[in-house]
Protein backbone atom coordinates (compact mmCIF):
# COMPACT_ATOMS: atom_id res chain seq x y z
CA GLN A 1 96.28 88.90 93.97
CA GLY A 2 100.06 87.60 93.98
CA ARG A 3 101.40 85.10 96.16
CA ALA A 4 102.65 87.93 98.69
CA TRP A 5 99.36 89.33 99.36
CA LYS A 6 97.93 85.41 99.82
CA GLU A 7 100.94 84.51 101.85
CA LEU A 8 100.54 87.01 105.12
CA ALA A 9 100.87 85.58 108.37
CA TRP A 10 97.63 86.88 110.24
CA HIS A 11 97.81 86.31 114.10
CA GLN A 12 94.51 83.86 113.51
CA GLY A 13 95.42 82.11 110.64
CA ALA A 14 94.22 82.25 107.34
CA GLN A 15 90.59 82.78 107.41
CA HIS A 16 88.48 84.42 111.10
CA PRO A 17 84.91 85.28 110.83
CA ASN A 18 85.14 88.30 113.47
CA THR A 19 88.70 89.31 112.44
CA ILE A 20 89.19 92.86 109.58
CA ARG A 21 92.20 92.56 108.43
CA LEU A 22 93.30 95.46 106.46
CA VAL A 23 96.46 95.95 103.98
CA LEU A 24 98.06 99.36 103.61
CA LEU A 25 100.05 100.46 100.71
CA LEU A 26 102.64 102.91 101.71
CA PHE A 27 103.18 105.91 98.83
CA ILE A 28 105.77 108.10 98.80
CA ASN A 29 106.29 110.75 96.34
CA TRP A 30 108.65 113.85 95.65
CA PHE A 31 107.31 116.69 93.28
CA ASN A 32 107.71 120.44 92.04
CA PRO A 33 105.46 122.72 93.69
CA ARG A 34 105.42 124.94 90.51
CA GLY A 35 104.65 122.52 88.60
CA ASN A 36 107.03 120.94 85.63
CA ILE A 37 108.89 123.23 84.05
CA LEU A 38 111.49 123.17 81.01
CA ALA A 39 114.54 124.46 83.24
CA GLY A 40 113.93 121.44 85.33
CA LYS A 41 112.99 121.12 89.24
CA LYS A 42 113.73 123.84 90.91
CA GLN A 43 111.94 122.81 93.95
CA SER A 44 110.41 120.05 95.58
CA ILE A 45 108.14 118.66 98.38
CA GLY A 46 106.49 115.29 99.25
CA ILE A 47 103.89 113.59 100.05
CA ILE A 48 103.31 110.31 102.08
CA THR A 49 100.23 108.68 101.75
CA LEU A 50 98.83 105.42 102.99
CA ASN A 51 95.51 103.46 101.11
CA CYS A 52 94.03 100.44 102.43
CA MET A 53 94.34 97.52 99.50
CA SER A 54 91.64 95.46 101.10
CA LEU A 55 89.07 98.11 99.50
CA SER A 56 87.87 97.74 95.89
CA PRO A 57 90.22 98.41 93.01
CA THR A 58 87.83 101.25 92.04
CA MET A 59 87.55 103.16 95.98
CA ARG A 60 91.01 102.26 97.07
CA ASN A 61 93.13 105.24 95.36
CA LYS A 62 89.97 108.16 95.40
CA SER A 63 90.85 111.09 97.80
CA PRO A 64 88.28 110.11 100.33
CA TRP A 65 89.96 107.01 101.26
CA THR A 66 93.31 108.09 100.54
CA PHE A 67 95.06 109.01 104.17
CA LEU A 68 97.63 111.71 104.09
CA ALA A 69 100.46 110.53 107.07
CA GLY A 70 102.72 113.52 106.01
CA ILE A 71 104.49 116.05 103.76
CA THR A 72 107.81 116.57 103.12
CA PRO A 73 109.29 119.92 103.54
CA GLY A 74 111.19 121.22 100.60
CA PRO A 75 112.77 123.47 99.46
CA GLN A 76 114.68 119.98 97.83
CA ALA A 77 113.67 116.01 98.32
CA PRO A 78 114.70 114.86 101.89
CA ASP A 79 117.87 113.05 101.59
CA ILE A 80 118.06 109.39 104.05
CA THR A 81 118.51 110.69 107.23
CA THR A 82 116.33 113.30 106.55
CA ILE A 83 113.26 110.89 105.44
CA THR A 84 114.21 108.18 107.43
CA HIS A 85 113.55 110.38 110.97
CA LEU A 86 110.20 111.46 108.83
CA ILE A 87 108.62 107.93 108.20
CA LYS A 88 109.71 106.57 111.50
CA PRO A 89 106.52 107.37 113.65
CA ILE A 90 104.46 106.00 110.52
CA ILE A 91 105.78 103.08 110.34
CA ASP A 92 106.32 102.76 113.99
CA LYS A 93 102.80 103.16 114.50
CA LEU A 94 101.66 100.72 112.01
CA HIS A 95 104.12 98.08 113.23
CA GLU A 96 102.28 98.59 116.74
CA LEU A 97 98.66 97.83 114.97
CA THR A 98 100.01 94.65 113.48
CA ASN A 99 98.95 92.86 117.01
CA PRO A 100 95.33 92.57 116.71
CA LEU A 101 93.19 95.34 118.54
CA TYR A 102 89.39 95.62 119.39
CA LEU A 103 87.00 98.39 118.55
CA ASN A 104 84.08 98.61 119.53
CA THR A 105 81.05 99.82 116.88
CA HIS A 106 77.48 99.60 117.24
CA ALA A 107 77.30 96.23 115.54
CA TYR A 108 79.70 95.13 117.79
CA PRO A 109 79.25 96.21 121.11
CA THR A 110 81.95 93.54 122.45
CA GLY A 111 84.24 94.46 120.68
CA ARG A 112 85.52 93.28 116.63
CA GLU A 113 89.61 91.83 116.42
CA ILE A 114 91.95 94.31 113.53
CA GLU A 115 94.71 93.36 112.17
CA LEU A 116 96.97 95.26 109.98
CA ARG A 117 99.47 94.83 107.84
CA LEU A 118 101.77 96.76 105.36
CA LEU A 119 102.43 95.58 102.07
CA PRO A 120 103.66 97.48 99.22
CA LEU A 121 105.80 100.28 98.52
CA ILE A 122 104.95 102.56 95.90
CA GLY A 123 106.59 105.91 94.26
CA ASP A 124 109.03 106.92 91.91
CA LEU A 125 112.67 105.00 91.86
CA GLY A 126 114.30 107.68 94.17
CA ALA A 127 111.76 107.97 96.56
CA THR A 128 111.76 103.70 96.99
CA HIS A 129 115.45 104.03 96.83
CA LYS A 130 115.78 105.98 99.63
CA VAL A 131 113.07 105.17 101.66
CA ALA A 132 113.53 101.18 101.31
CA GLY A 133 117.53 101.72 101.32
CA PHE A 134 118.11 100.28 98.39
CA ALA A 135 120.94 101.72 96.03
CA SER A 136 121.72 103.99 92.89
CA HIS A 137 121.36 102.26 89.41
CA SER A 138 125.14 103.69 89.91
CA GLU A 139 126.68 101.72 92.96
CA ASN A 140 128.37 97.96 91.86
CA TYR A 141 125.18 96.14 93.64
CA PHE A 142 122.91 98.38 92.00
CA CYS A 143 120.11 95.75 91.96
CA SER A 144 117.27 95.64 93.96
CA TRP A 145 116.87 92.28 94.05
CA CYS A 146 120.23 90.03 93.41
CA ASP A 147 122.96 90.58 93.97
CA ALA A 148 124.86 91.24 90.60
CA HIS A 149 127.91 93.85 90.23
CA ARG A 150 128.20 96.34 87.83
CA ASP A 151 131.24 94.56 85.74
CA ASN A 152 128.54 91.47 84.93
CA MET A 153 125.39 93.86 84.08
CA ALA A 154 126.65 93.53 80.18
CA LYS A 155 126.06 89.76 80.97
CA LEU A 156 121.86 89.87 81.44
CA THR A 157 121.83 86.94 84.27
CA LEU A 158 120.58 86.82 87.26
CA SER A 159 122.44 86.73 89.87
CA LYS A 160 122.15 84.97 93.71
CA PRO A 161 118.10 86.19 95.44
CA ARG A 162 118.80 88.58 97.59
CA THR A 163 118.19 87.50 101.45
CA GLY A 164 115.52 89.75 103.66
CA VAL A 165 118.61 90.03 106.05
CA GLU A 166 120.68 91.11 102.89
CA VAL A 167 117.86 93.92 102.01
């Protein structure tokens, strides 16, 4: 487990025995519904799914444990404005769930606290760049992690890292 996973901020601190903590993965990808063909991609539709990273690695990516949160309509992959409108309700609902809520179950009739976090965004380069707002590789400031300029690309040195506000 990486540093981002271990350093997640939770409402009750690092360890609280009566709290269920769930970390979700957001997966977005577009594909040709007619399959890959030699002539290239003629149509494109997409899926938006959520997977619970708190499950074991052998379970988390299996279809019974994958939540299909949305389907992007074709015939082309959505532009940045459209994908923003499509995922906004999903992100807004997930943001609401960062505040603890109580769920009553048979084992916990008085309720058990549940907290939720969205940690990784997974998808192909085009999808993640559109969703996260990263620039194309051909832009002047192409790097998702630092402020390297296209004119300095041949130097192969890491520039000053970007802050969360800049990204």
